[in-house]
Amino acid sequence: MRRSASKQLCAARTLGRPRPHDRLRPPRPDDRHYDLIITNARIVDSTRNPYYYLEFGIRGGRIGTIAPLGALAEVTT
């Protein structure tokens, strides 16, 4: 019984946390040009949470921004 209560507590803590993509911001106005834009990138982590989709803006061989879907629609490459 004690083990079950521990699992329930752990699940409650996990479910109450915001998912990483909920904290993302749209790109700033000065971040409107990237060398490469990756859209519909499926993000899977090892926490057993459901996967989710994001967009990445790559500039100079580095990730310039990570944004929710649709946030990089007006950005140029």
N, C-alpha and C. Protein backbone atom coordinates (compact mmCIF):
# COMPACT_ATOMS: atom_id res chain seq x y z
N MET A 1 0.82 -1.19 0.00
CA MET A 1 0.00 0.00 0.00
C MET A 1 0.87 1.26 0.00
N ARG A 2 1.92 1.24 0.78
CA ARG A 2 2.79 2.39 0.87
C ARG A 2 3.45 2.69 -0.48
N ARG A 3 3.83 1.66 -1.17
CA ARG A 3 4.46 1.84 -2.47
C ARG A 3 3.49 2.47 -3.46
N SER A 4 2.25 2.06 -3.43
CA SER A 4 1.24 2.61 -4.32
C SER A 4 1.03 4.10 -4.05
N ALA A 5 1.00 4.48 -2.78
CA ALA A 5 0.83 5.89 -2.44
C ALA A 5 2.01 6.71 -2.94
N SER A 6 3.20 6.14 -2.87
CA SER A 6 4.39 6.83 -3.35
C SER A 6 4.31 7.05 -4.86
N LYS A 7 3.85 6.05 -5.59
CA LYS A 7 3.69 6.19 -7.04
C LYS A 7 2.64 7.24 -7.38
N GLN A 8 1.56 7.27 -6.61
CA GLN A 8 0.52 8.26 -6.86
C GLN A 8 1.04 9.67 -6.61
N LEU A 9 1.82 9.85 -5.58
CA LEU A 9 2.39 11.16 -5.28
C LEU A 9 3.34 11.59 -6.39
N CYS A 10 4.15 10.68 -6.87
CA CYS A 10 5.07 10.98 -7.95
C CYS A 10 4.31 11.36 -9.22
N ALA A 11 3.25 10.63 -9.53
CA ALA A 11 2.43 10.93 -10.71
C ALA A 11 1.76 12.29 -10.56
N ALA A 12 1.28 12.61 -9.38
CA ALA A 12 0.63 13.90 -9.16
C ALA A 12 1.61 15.04 -9.35
N ARG A 13 2.84 14.86 -8.89
CA ARG A 13 3.85 15.91 -9.07
C ARG A 13 4.20 16.08 -10.53
N THR A 14 4.32 14.98 -11.25
CA THR A 14 4.67 15.04 -12.66
C THR A 14 3.56 15.66 -13.48
N LEU A 15 2.32 15.27 -13.23
CA LEU A 15 1.21 15.79 -14.02
C LEU A 15 0.95 17.26 -13.75
N GLY A 16 1.32 17.74 -12.58
CA GLY A 16 1.09 19.14 -12.25
C GLY A 16 2.11 20.10 -12.82
N ARG A 17 3.22 19.58 -13.33
CA ARG A 17 4.27 20.43 -13.87
C ARG A 17 3.92 20.89 -15.28
N PRO A 18 4.31 22.11 -15.62
CA PRO A 18 4.11 22.54 -17.01
C PRO A 18 5.08 21.79 -17.92
N ARG A 19 4.64 21.47 -19.12
CA ARG A 19 5.52 20.81 -20.07
C ARG A 19 6.51 21.84 -20.60
N PRO A 20 7.68 21.40 -21.04
CA PRO A 20 8.71 22.36 -21.47
C PRO A 20 8.24 23.30 -22.57
N HIS A 21 7.45 22.81 -23.52
CA HIS A 21 7.04 23.68 -24.61
C HIS A 21 5.99 24.70 -24.19
N ASP A 22 5.38 24.55 -23.02
CA ASP A 22 4.43 25.55 -22.52
C ASP A 22 5.15 26.83 -22.10
N ARG A 23 6.44 26.75 -21.84
CA ARG A 23 7.20 27.92 -21.38
C ARG A 23 7.93 28.63 -22.52
N LEU A 24 7.78 28.17 -23.74
CA LEU A 24 8.49 28.77 -24.86
C LEU A 24 7.87 30.10 -25.24
N ARG A 25 8.68 30.95 -25.81
CA ARG A 25 8.20 32.25 -26.26
C ARG A 25 8.33 32.34 -27.77
N PRO A 26 7.51 33.15 -28.40
CA PRO A 26 7.70 33.38 -29.83
C PRO A 26 9.00 34.16 -30.07
N PRO A 27 9.55 34.10 -31.27
CA PRO A 27 10.81 34.80 -31.53
C PRO A 27 10.65 36.32 -31.39
N ARG A 28 11.70 36.98 -30.97
CA ARG A 28 11.70 38.45 -30.86
C ARG A 28 11.74 39.05 -32.26
N PRO A 29 11.34 40.32 -32.41
CA PRO A 29 11.37 40.95 -33.73
C PRO A 29 12.75 40.96 -34.38
N ASP A 30 13.82 41.02 -33.60
CA ASP A 30 15.16 41.01 -34.19
C ASP A 30 15.62 39.60 -34.57
N ASP A 31 14.84 38.58 -34.24
CA ASP A 31 15.15 37.19 -34.58
C ASP A 31 14.33 36.75 -35.78
N ARG A 32 14.35 37.50 -36.84
CA ARG A 32 13.49 37.19 -37.99
C ARG A 32 14.22 36.58 -39.17
N HIS A 33 15.50 36.23 -39.02
CA HIS A 33 16.22 35.60 -40.11
C HIS A 33 17.04 34.43 -39.57
N TYR A 34 16.87 33.27 -40.20
CA TYR A 34 17.61 32.06 -39.82
C TYR A 34 18.13 31.39 -41.08
N ASP A 35 19.20 30.63 -40.93
CA ASP A 35 19.75 29.86 -42.05
C ASP A 35 18.87 28.66 -42.38
N LEU A 36 18.26 28.08 -41.36
CA LEU A 36 17.44 26.89 -41.52
C LEU A 36 16.31 26.92 -40.50
N ILE A 37 15.12 26.54 -40.92
CA ILE A 37 13.99 26.43 -40.00
C ILE A 37 13.49 25.00 -40.04
N ILE A 38 13.43 24.36 -38.90
CA ILE A 38 12.92 23.00 -38.78
C ILE A 38 11.54 23.09 -38.16
N THR A 39 10.53 22.63 -38.88
CA THR A 39 9.16 22.68 -38.37
C THR A 39 8.67 21.26 -38.09
N ASN A 40 7.66 21.16 -37.27
CA ASN A 40 7.04 19.87 -36.92
C ASN A 40 8.05 18.88 -36.36
N ALA A 41 9.00 19.36 -35.56
CA ALA A 41 9.97 18.48 -34.93
C ALA A 41 9.31 17.79 -33.74
N ARG A 42 9.28 16.47 -33.76
CA ARG A 42 8.66 15.72 -32.67
C ARG A 42 9.67 15.57 -31.54
N ILE A 43 9.31 16.04 -30.36
CA ILE A 43 10.18 16.00 -29.19
C ILE A 43 9.71 14.88 -28.28
N VAL A 44 10.62 13.94 -28.02
CA VAL A 44 10.33 12.80 -27.15
C VAL A 44 11.38 12.81 -26.05
N ASP A 45 10.93 12.81 -24.80
CA ASP A 45 11.89 12.77 -23.71
C ASP A 45 11.74 11.46 -22.94
N SER A 46 12.58 11.26 -21.96
CA SER A 46 12.59 9.99 -21.24
C SER A 46 11.72 10.00 -19.99
N THR A 47 10.85 10.99 -19.85
CA THR A 47 10.01 11.08 -18.65
C THR A 47 8.66 10.40 -18.83
N ARG A 48 8.46 9.76 -19.96
CA ARG A 48 7.21 9.08 -20.30
C ARG A 48 6.04 10.03 -20.49
N ASN A 49 6.32 11.31 -20.64
CA ASN A 49 5.28 12.26 -21.01
C ASN A 49 4.99 12.08 -22.49
N PRO A 50 3.81 12.47 -22.94
CA PRO A 50 3.53 12.36 -24.37
C PRO A 50 4.45 13.29 -25.17
N TYR A 51 4.74 12.88 -26.40
CA TYR A 51 5.60 13.71 -27.24
C TYR A 51 4.84 14.97 -27.65
N TYR A 52 5.59 15.96 -28.12
CA TYR A 52 5.00 17.21 -28.57
C TYR A 52 5.83 17.74 -29.72
N TYR A 53 5.32 18.73 -30.41
CA TYR A 53 5.96 19.27 -31.60
C TYR A 53 6.44 20.70 -31.36
N LEU A 54 7.60 21.04 -31.93
CA LEU A 54 8.17 22.37 -31.83
C LEU A 54 8.78 22.77 -33.16
N GLU A 55 9.23 24.01 -33.24
CA GLU A 55 9.97 24.52 -34.38
C GLU A 55 11.32 25.03 -33.89
N PHE A 56 12.34 24.88 -34.74
CA PHE A 56 13.68 25.33 -34.41
C PHE A 56 14.16 26.30 -35.49
N GLY A 57 14.79 27.38 -35.09
CA GLY A 57 15.45 28.30 -36.01
C GLY A 57 16.95 28.15 -35.83
N ILE A 58 17.66 27.79 -36.91
CA ILE A 58 19.10 27.56 -36.86
C ILE A 58 19.81 28.74 -37.53
N ARG A 59 20.80 29.30 -36.85
CA ARG A 59 21.58 30.41 -37.39
C ARG A 59 23.05 30.17 -37.07
N GLY A 60 23.89 30.19 -38.10
CA GLY A 60 25.33 30.01 -37.88
C GLY A 60 25.69 28.65 -37.31
N GLY A 61 24.93 27.62 -37.64
CA GLY A 61 25.21 26.28 -37.16
C GLY A 61 24.77 26.03 -35.73
N ARG A 62 24.05 26.96 -35.13
CA ARG A 62 23.56 26.81 -33.75
C ARG A 62 22.07 27.07 -33.70
N ILE A 63 21.44 26.51 -32.69
CA ILE A 63 20.01 26.74 -32.50
C ILE A 63 19.83 28.18 -32.02
N GLY A 64 19.13 28.98 -32.81
CA GLY A 64 18.88 30.37 -32.44
C GLY A 64 17.63 30.53 -31.61
N THR A 65 16.62 29.71 -31.89
CA THR A 65 15.39 29.77 -31.12
C THR A 65 14.66 28.44 -31.18
N ILE A 66 13.90 28.18 -30.15
CA ILE A 66 12.99 27.04 -30.09
C ILE A 66 11.63 27.64 -29.81
N ALA A 67 10.65 27.33 -30.65
CA ALA A 67 9.36 27.99 -30.55
C ALA A 67 8.22 27.00 -30.73
N PRO A 68 7.03 27.35 -30.25
CA PRO A 68 5.87 26.50 -30.49
C PRO A 68 5.50 26.50 -31.98
N LEU A 69 4.73 25.52 -32.40
CA LEU A 69 4.33 25.43 -33.81
C LEU A 69 3.65 26.71 -34.27
N GLY A 70 4.01 27.15 -35.46
CA GLY A 70 3.40 28.33 -36.06
C GLY A 70 4.09 29.63 -35.71
N ALA A 71 4.96 29.64 -34.71
CA ALA A 71 5.61 30.88 -34.29
C ALA A 71 6.65 31.36 -35.29
N LEU A 72 7.20 30.47 -36.09
CA LEU A 72 8.22 30.86 -37.06
C LEU A 72 7.66 30.95 -38.48
N ALA A 73 6.36 31.08 -38.61
CA ALA A 73 5.73 31.10 -39.93
C ALA A 73 6.15 32.31 -40.77
N GLU A 74 6.39 33.44 -40.15
CA GLU A 74 6.72 34.66 -40.89
C GLU A 74 8.22 34.95 -40.91
N VAL A 75 9.02 34.03 -40.45
CA VAL A 75 10.47 34.22 -40.40
C VAL A 75 11.06 33.87 -41.76
N THR A 76 12.11 34.60 -42.17
CA THR A 76 12.75 34.33 -43.45
C THR A 76 14.00 33.49 -43.27
N THR A 77 14.38 32.80 -44.35
CA THR A 77 15.61 32.00 -44.34
C THR A 77 16.59 32.55 -45.34
